[in-house]
Amino acid sequence: MTTALFIGRFAPSHKGHIDVVMQLLDSYDRVVIGIGSCYEIGSSRYPLLAIFREKMLLLSIAERGGDLSRIKVVYLEDYPNFDEWLKDVLEICKKYNVTHFITGNREEILDVLLERKIHLPFQFINPELTSNFSHHATELRNAIKNGDFQKVKHIASYGTLMLMGNVDGLNGIRMAVENSGRVFNVGRQTVDLIFTIQEKEVSPSNEAYYKTYVLCGYRPKDKEDYPNYLGLVGDMINKFESPIDAVLRALKQRTGIEAKVEMNTTEPTIITLKSDNGPILADLKFLEFYTDKEQSGKHGGSSQAFHININGDRKMFDNILKNGRLGFMPAYEALKIGLAYQQTEMLQDALNKLKHYA
């Protein structure tokens, strides 16, 4: 089996990126796409969160008829030096049996390998040598900044155009190009999940309303950070893992509730949840990323928060949750008690976006 590894920032993806992926799908059995600089944002070079860059890529590939089942996306973080970055790349190559390395980054990758006389056990292919598309993501970002929609339309991939408005991308890129966007804290990167259920209830005056419950529980007393505090579902993001995979993994590990991604070419992501009553289709919405040096704990870092909200009976998860520490608590009660880290703010932000909240 042949496997091509294509690494880039894709910030955001343009037609040239998609041309390369389509050629790779024609030439190789499997394509691994490495989303580089996955914890960089807020500057002219890093204008969009990696989860949105991935969605733009996948939607663009699907629109061109590409087989997404033959594509694996991995997340790559930046390091202060080339050797640490190369170590991660080689780990990916070994894990996925990479046979061909695809990169047009001569200055930062190819020339460095040549200068250090590092010989790697796969073939290097520079896609820019055969590409008919001469534009780069820098031009696309500048076109957005300058309000040149015709140029944006000419350069941007289909998924970039379709999703940009859904993820506040245009304004985010303008801010980032001016180096005025928010950035991640250095340290352990995590995910948090606000999982709410809205139950229909009837007031004493016989009026129907929705009462909101949130999935949470008390942290163990021996926790290093925020012992015995109320907490949401969350965990650190593993190496090469996407935040979406991380948050759904955390949900299963912390509660037993399983969730499957059905479509990740949209925002929100469409998932299926397993409940005691059967499968439930739901939206996994990106809420925000949170950075607060005073509340990030001893390990530092930032959190990417997601929100699942469903209407129904919270008892539909009783059997799954019965042996765990977490359960559904009235949301107003959780806010009154307060949660660990910035989770009180996360919960309030999620509730503010609901149409009915009590």
Protein backbone atom coordinates (compact mmCIF):
# COMPACT_ATOMS: atom_id res chain seq x y z
CA MET A 1 0.00 0.00 0.00
CA THR A 2 1.25 3.46 -0.88
CA THR A 3 0.63 6.34 1.51
CA ALA A 4 1.33 10.00 0.83
CA LEU A 5 1.83 12.51 3.66
CA PHE A 6 0.86 16.07 2.73
CA ILE A 7 1.73 18.66 5.40
CA GLY A 8 0.64 22.28 5.31
CA ARG A 9 -0.96 25.06 7.31
CA PHE A 10 -3.90 25.39 4.87
CA ALA A 11 -4.63 28.81 6.33
CA PRO A 12 -7.09 28.79 4.67
CA SER A 13 -7.22 26.17 1.92
CA HIS A 14 -7.11 27.36 -1.68
CA LYS A 15 -7.73 25.67 -5.03
CA GLY A 16 -4.08 24.71 -5.37
CA HIS A 17 -4.23 22.68 -2.14
CA ILE A 18 -7.25 20.78 -3.40
CA ASP A 19 -5.64 20.15 -6.79
CA VAL A 20 -2.73 18.48 -4.98
CA VAL A 21 -4.97 16.30 -2.82
CA MET A 22 -6.98 15.15 -5.84
CA GLN A 23 -3.75 14.22 -7.65
CA LEU A 24 -2.59 12.31 -4.58
CA LEU A 25 -5.86 10.38 -4.41
CA ASP A 26 -5.33 9.38 -8.05
CA SER A 27 -1.75 8.25 -7.41
CA TYR A 28 -1.73 6.69 -3.93
CA ASP A 29 -3.86 4.30 -1.90
CA ARG A 30 -4.11 6.59 1.11
CA VAL A 31 -3.45 10.26 1.85
CA VAL A 32 -2.49 11.54 5.30
CA ILE A 33 -3.01 15.29 5.66
CA GLY A 34 -1.03 16.98 8.40
CA ILE A 35 -2.64 20.20 9.63
CA GLY A 36 0.43 22.14 10.71
CA SER A 37 0.66 24.87 13.36
CA CYS A 38 -2.45 23.44 15.01
CA TYR A 39 -2.04 25.55 18.17
CA GLU A 40 -1.24 28.81 16.42
CA ILE A 41 -3.81 31.54 15.84
CA GLY A 42 -4.29 35.28 16.00
CA SER A 43 -1.52 36.48 13.69
CA SER A 44 -1.18 37.20 9.98
CA ARG A 45 0.37 33.79 9.34
CA TYR A 46 -2.07 31.84 11.53
CA PRO A 47 -5.55 33.29 11.08
CA LEU A 48 -7.87 30.31 11.68
CA LEU A 49 -8.31 27.51 14.19
CA ALA A 50 -7.12 24.15 12.90
CA ILE A 51 -10.58 22.56 13.28
CA PHE A 52 -11.97 25.04 10.76
CA ARG A 53 -9.04 24.60 8.39
CA GLU A 54 -9.74 20.86 8.44
CA LYS A 55 -13.43 21.34 7.66
CA MET A 56 -12.64 23.67 4.76
CA LEU A 57 -10.24 21.11 3.32
CA LEU A 58 -12.60 18.15 3.67
CA LEU A 59 -15.60 19.99 2.23
CA SER A 60 -13.49 21.14 -0.74
CA ILE A 61 -12.23 17.60 -1.38
CA ALA A 62 -15.74 16.14 -1.11
CA GLU A 63 -17.09 18.76 -3.55
CA ARG A 64 -14.47 17.65 -6.08
CA GLY A 65 -15.55 14.01 -5.68
CA GLY A 66 -12.63 12.92 -3.49
CA ASP A 67 -13.02 9.78 -1.39
CA LEU A 68 -12.81 10.99 2.22
CA SER A 69 -12.59 7.41 3.49
CA ARG A 70 -9.06 7.26 2.03
CA ILE A 71 -7.97 10.41 3.87
CA LYS A 72 -6.64 10.61 7.42
CA VAL A 73 -6.16 14.02 9.05
CA VAL A 74 -3.59 14.46 11.81
CA TYR A 75 -2.72 17.58 13.79
CA LEU A 76 0.87 18.82 14.07
CA GLU A 77 2.02 21.45 16.53
CA ASP A 78 4.92 23.82 16.11
CA TYR A 79 8.16 23.54 18.11
CA PRO A 80 10.98 25.99 18.85
CA ASN A 81 13.40 23.91 16.78
CA PHE A 82 13.32 21.79 13.65
CA ASP A 83 14.53 18.56 15.31
CA GLU A 84 11.51 18.31 17.61
CA TRP A 85 9.14 18.93 14.71
CA LEU A 86 10.91 16.33 12.56
CA LYS A 87 10.62 13.79 15.37
CA ASP A 88 6.84 14.14 15.30
CA VAL A 89 6.75 13.93 11.51
CA LEU A 90 8.78 10.72 11.55
CA GLU A 91 6.44 9.29 14.19
CA ILE A 92 3.50 9.96 11.88
CA CYS A 93 5.37 8.40 8.95
CA LYS A 94 6.03 5.26 10.96
CA LYS A 95 2.49 5.05 12.32
CA TYR A 96 0.86 5.29 8.90
CA ASN A 97 3.58 3.58 6.81
CA VAL A 98 4.19 6.70 4.72
CA THR A 99 5.90 6.00 1.40
CA HIS A 100 5.85 9.51 -0.13
CA PHE A 101 6.32 12.90 1.53
CA ILE A 102 4.55 15.78 -0.21
CA THR A 103 5.69 19.32 0.53
CA GLY A 104 6.36 22.51 -1.35
CA ASN A 105 8.08 24.10 1.64
CA ARG A 106 11.62 24.10 0.37
CA GLU A 107 12.99 26.80 2.67
CA GLU A 108 11.74 25.38 5.99
CA ILE A 109 11.81 21.63 5.25
CA LEU A 110 13.58 20.44 2.11
CA ASP A 111 16.58 22.77 2.32
CA VAL A 112 17.05 22.07 6.04
CA LEU A 113 17.09 18.30 5.45
CA LEU A 114 19.59 18.75 2.63
CA GLU A 115 21.81 21.06 4.70
CA ARG A 116 21.87 18.58 7.60
CA LYS A 117 22.39 15.61 5.28
CA ILE A 118 19.34 13.87 6.71
CA HIS A 119 18.20 11.02 4.46
CA LEU A 120 14.68 9.77 5.12
CA PRO A 121 13.23 6.43 3.91
CA PHE A 122 10.59 7.78 1.56
CA GLN A 123 10.35 9.75 -1.65
CA PHE A 124 9.96 13.54 -1.51
CA ILE A 125 7.63 15.18 -4.02
CA ASN A 126 7.27 18.94 -4.43
CA PRO A 127 3.72 19.56 -5.74
CA GLU A 128 4.54 23.12 -6.78
CA LEU A 129 6.77 21.81 -9.57
CA THR A 130 3.77 20.41 -11.44
CA SER A 131 1.00 22.75 -10.21
CA ASN A 132 -0.76 25.12 -12.58
CA PHE A 133 -2.07 27.17 -9.67
CA SER A 134 0.34 29.96 -8.77
CA HIS A 135 -1.48 31.59 -5.84
CA HIS A 136 -0.78 31.10 -2.15
CA ALA A 137 -2.76 31.40 1.09
CA THR A 138 -0.97 34.69 1.86
CA GLU A 139 -2.59 36.26 -1.21
CA LEU A 140 -5.96 34.92 -0.14
CA ARG A 141 -5.65 36.41 3.33
CA ASN A 142 -4.57 39.76 1.89
CA ALA A 143 -7.48 39.73 -0.58
CA ILE A 144 -9.88 39.26 2.34
CA LYS A 145 -8.20 42.10 4.22
CA ASN A 146 -8.43 44.37 1.18
CA GLY A 147 -12.08 43.52 0.44
CA ASP A 148 -11.28 42.06 -3.01
CA PHE A 149 -14.02 39.44 -3.34
CA GLN A 150 -13.25 38.61 -6.98
CA LYS A 151 -9.73 37.62 -6.04
CA VAL A 152 -10.98 35.72 -2.99
CA LYS A 153 -13.38 33.79 -5.23
CA HIS A 154 -10.58 33.05 -7.69
CA ILE A 155 -8.15 31.71 -5.08
CA ALA A 156 -10.26 30.17 -2.30
CA SER A 157 -11.30 26.53 -2.33
CA TYR A 158 -15.01 25.65 -2.32
CA GLY A 159 -15.00 24.69 1.37
CA THR A 160 -13.25 27.92 2.35
CA LEU A 161 -15.93 29.99 0.61
CA MET A 162 -18.81 27.94 2.01
CA LEU A 163 -17.64 27.82 5.64
CA MET A 164 -15.94 31.18 6.06
CA GLY A 165 -19.13 32.92 7.18
CA ASN A 166 -20.10 30.11 9.56
CA VAL A 167 -16.89 30.40 11.59
CA ASP A 168 -16.51 34.19 11.70
CA GLY A 169 -13.64 33.64 9.30
CA LEU A 170 -13.69 36.91 7.39
CA ASN A 171 -13.56 39.08 10.47
CA GLY A 172 -11.15 36.67 12.18
CA ILE A 173 -8.74 36.82 9.25
CA ARG A 174 -8.89 40.62 9.16
CA MET A 175 -8.01 40.76 12.84
CA ALA A 176 -5.27 38.16 12.43
CA VAL A 177 -3.70 39.89 9.43
CA GLU A 178 -3.40 42.93 11.69
CA ASN A 179 -1.87 40.67 14.39
CA SER A 180 -4.71 41.59 16.77
CA GLY A 181 -6.30 38.17 17.26
CA ARG A 182 -6.30 36.13 20.47
CA VAL A 183 -3.63 33.46 20.89
CA PHE A 184 -3.29 30.14 22.70
CA ASN A 185 -1.52 29.96 26.03
CA VAL A 186 1.67 27.91 25.97
CA GLY A 187 1.20 24.62 27.81
CA ARG A 188 -1.15 21.67 27.86
CA GLN A 189 -3.95 22.06 25.32
CA THR A 190 -7.36 20.75 26.33
CA VAL A 191 -10.99 20.40 25.31
CA ASP A 192 -14.16 20.95 27.32
CA LEU A 193 -17.72 19.89 26.54
CA ILE A 194 -20.89 21.64 27.63
CA PHE A 195 -23.56 18.92 27.21
CA THR A 196 -27.02 20.30 27.91
CA ILE A 197 -30.47 18.72 27.82
CA GLN A 198 -33.61 20.85 27.76
CA GLU A 199 -36.61 19.12 29.30
CA LYS A 200 -40.11 20.37 28.68
CA GLU A 201 -41.86 21.03 31.97
CA VAL A 202 -45.12 22.61 33.08
CA SER A 203 -45.29 25.43 35.63
CA PRO A 204 -47.87 25.58 38.47
CA SER A 205 -49.83 28.00 36.27
CA ASN A 206 -49.96 25.31 33.56
CA GLU A 207 -47.49 27.05 31.23
CA ALA A 208 -44.94 24.93 29.35
CA TYR A 209 -41.27 25.86 29.53
CA TYR A 210 -37.86 24.21 29.01
CA LYS A 211 -35.60 23.52 31.96
CA THR A 212 -31.93 23.18 31.10
CA TYR A 213 -29.65 20.58 32.65
CA VAL A 214 -25.88 20.28 32.19
CA LEU A 215 -23.69 17.20 32.39
CA CYS A 216 -21.17 17.74 35.20
CA GLY A 217 -19.76 16.28 38.40
CA TYR A 218 -17.35 16.97 41.24
CA ARG A 219 -13.66 16.54 40.57
CA PRO A 220 -11.74 14.14 42.86
CA LYS A 221 -10.33 15.60 46.08
CA ASP A 222 -6.80 14.55 45.11
CA LYS A 223 -6.76 16.52 41.85
CA GLU A 224 -3.74 18.78 41.48
CA ASP A 225 -5.85 21.63 40.10
CA TYR A 226 -9.28 22.59 41.46
CA PRO A 227 -9.83 19.60 43.78
CA ASN A 228 -13.50 18.91 44.67
CA TYR A 229 -14.71 21.59 42.26
CA LEU A 230 -17.66 21.05 39.97
CA GLY A 231 -16.40 20.23 36.48
CA LEU A 232 -17.57 19.55 32.93
CA VAL A 233 -16.47 16.74 30.63
CA GLY A 234 -12.95 17.50 29.41
CA ASP A 235 -9.43 16.23 28.84
CA MET A 236 -6.09 17.11 27.31
CA ILE A 237 -5.64 16.74 23.55
CA ASN A 238 -3.30 13.89 22.66
CA LYS A 239 -0.47 14.24 20.19
CA PHE A 240 -1.75 14.30 16.57
CA GLU A 241 -5.38 14.26 17.79
CA SER A 242 -8.01 16.71 16.57
CA PRO A 243 -10.02 18.61 19.19
CA ILE A 244 -13.22 17.01 17.92
CA ASP A 245 -11.81 13.51 18.33
CA ALA A 246 -10.49 14.51 21.76
CA VAL A 247 -13.79 15.84 23.07
CA LEU A 248 -15.76 12.79 21.90
CA ARG A 249 -13.09 10.48 23.37
CA ALA A 250 -13.34 12.35 26.66
CA LEU A 251 -17.13 12.02 26.63
CA LYS A 252 -16.89 8.24 26.27
CA GLN A 253 -14.08 7.81 28.79
CA ARG A 254 -15.62 10.09 31.44
CA THR A 255 -19.26 9.04 31.09
CA GLY A 256 -19.63 5.98 28.85
CA ILE A 257 -21.71 7.96 26.35
CA GLU A 258 -20.53 7.09 22.84
CA ALA A 259 -20.67 9.52 19.95
CA LYS A 260 -19.83 9.01 16.28
CA VAL A 261 -18.95 11.74 13.78
CA GLU A 262 -21.35 11.50 10.86
CA MET A 263 -20.26 14.63 8.97
CA ASN A 264 -17.28 16.88 9.66
CA THR A 265 -17.57 18.99 6.51
CA THR A 266 -20.05 21.31 8.23
CA GLU A 267 -20.12 23.61 11.23
CA PRO A 268 -21.52 22.40 13.53
CA THR A 269 -20.29 18.83 13.18
CA ILE A 270 -23.10 16.29 12.89
CA ILE A 271 -22.80 13.41 15.37
CA THR A 272 -24.81 10.41 16.56
CA LEU A 273 -25.11 9.89 20.31
CA LYS A 274 -25.92 6.52 21.84
CA SER A 275 -28.59 6.70 24.53
CA ASP A 276 -30.63 4.17 26.49
CA ASN A 277 -33.46 4.81 24.03
CA GLY A 278 -31.38 4.43 20.87
CA PRO A 279 -29.36 6.74 18.58
CA ILE A 280 -29.80 10.52 18.68
CA LEU A 281 -28.63 12.83 15.90
CA ALA A 282 -27.10 15.98 17.39
CA ASP A 283 -24.96 19.02 16.62
CA LEU A 284 -21.47 19.33 18.06
CA LYS A 285 -20.95 23.09 17.99
CA PHE A 286 -17.64 24.81 18.51
CA LEU A 287 -18.29 27.32 21.27
CA GLU A 288 -15.01 29.22 21.71
CA PHE A 289 -11.43 28.78 22.80
CA TYR A 290 -10.61 30.03 26.26
CA THR A 291 -7.33 31.42 27.48
CA ASP A 292 -6.72 32.75 30.96
CA LYS A 293 -3.26 32.52 32.48
CA GLU A 294 -4.64 32.94 35.98
CA GLN A 295 -7.11 30.05 35.65
CA SER A 296 -5.29 27.62 33.37
CA GLY A 297 -3.86 25.55 36.23
CA LYS A 298 -0.29 24.50 36.87
CA HIS A 299 0.18 23.13 33.34
CA GLY A 300 -0.87 26.27 31.49
CA GLY A 301 -2.46 26.05 28.05
CA SER A 302 -5.86 26.88 26.60
CA SER A 303 -9.12 25.03 26.06
CA GLN A 304 -11.25 24.59 22.96
CA ALA A 305 -14.85 24.26 24.13
CA PHE A 306 -17.74 22.53 22.37
CA HIS A 307 -21.48 22.41 23.02
CA ILE A 308 -24.05 19.65 22.53
CA ASN A 309 -27.67 20.57 23.22
CA ILE A 310 -30.66 18.27 22.80
CA ASN A 311 -34.31 18.48 23.74
CA GLY A 312 -35.60 15.46 25.60
CA ASP A 313 -35.56 13.55 28.86
CA ARG A 314 -32.25 13.45 30.73
CA LYS A 315 -33.22 10.00 32.02
CA MET A 316 -32.40 8.61 28.55
CA PHE A 317 -28.77 8.42 29.73
CA ASP A 318 -29.43 7.06 33.23
CA ASN A 319 -28.23 3.49 32.55
CA ILE A 320 -25.06 4.70 30.87
CA LEU A 321 -24.24 7.18 33.64
CA LYS A 322 -25.25 5.11 36.67
CA ASN A 323 -21.71 3.94 37.55
CA GLY A 324 -19.93 7.24 36.98
CA ARG A 325 -19.31 10.53 38.81
CA LEU A 326 -21.16 12.72 36.33
CA GLY A 327 -24.86 13.41 35.93
CA PHE A 328 -27.25 16.08 34.70
CA MET A 329 -27.63 18.99 37.12
CA PRO A 330 -29.88 22.05 36.65
CA ALA A 331 -27.75 24.55 34.78
CA TYR A 332 -28.67 27.48 37.02
CA GLU A 333 -27.53 25.45 40.04
CA ALA A 334 -24.17 24.66 38.42
CA LEU A 335 -23.67 28.36 37.64
CA LYS A 336 -24.52 29.29 41.21
CA ILE A 337 -21.99 26.81 42.61
CA GLY A 338 -19.29 27.69 40.07
CA LEU A 339 -17.04 25.38 38.09
CA ALA A 340 -13.31 24.75 37.70
CA TYR A 341 -11.01 26.72 35.41
CA GLN A 342 -13.07 28.90 33.04
CA GLN A 343 -15.93 26.42 32.86
CA THR A 344 -18.40 28.76 34.56
CA GLU A 345 -17.82 31.23 31.73
CA MET A 346 -18.10 28.42 29.16
CA LEU A 347 -21.43 27.26 30.55
CA GLN A 348 -22.82 30.79 30.67
CA ASP A 349 -21.69 31.43 27.09
CA ALA A 350 -23.36 28.20 25.92
CA LEU A 351 -26.61 28.99 27.73
CA ASN A 352 -26.68 32.49 26.25
CA LYS A 353 -26.86 30.92 22.79
CA LEU A 354 -29.90 28.77 23.61
CA LYS A 355 -33.34 29.93 22.49
CA HIS A 356 -35.04 28.68 25.66
CA TYR A 357 -33.21 28.63 28.95
CA ALA A 358 -34.54 28.31 32.48
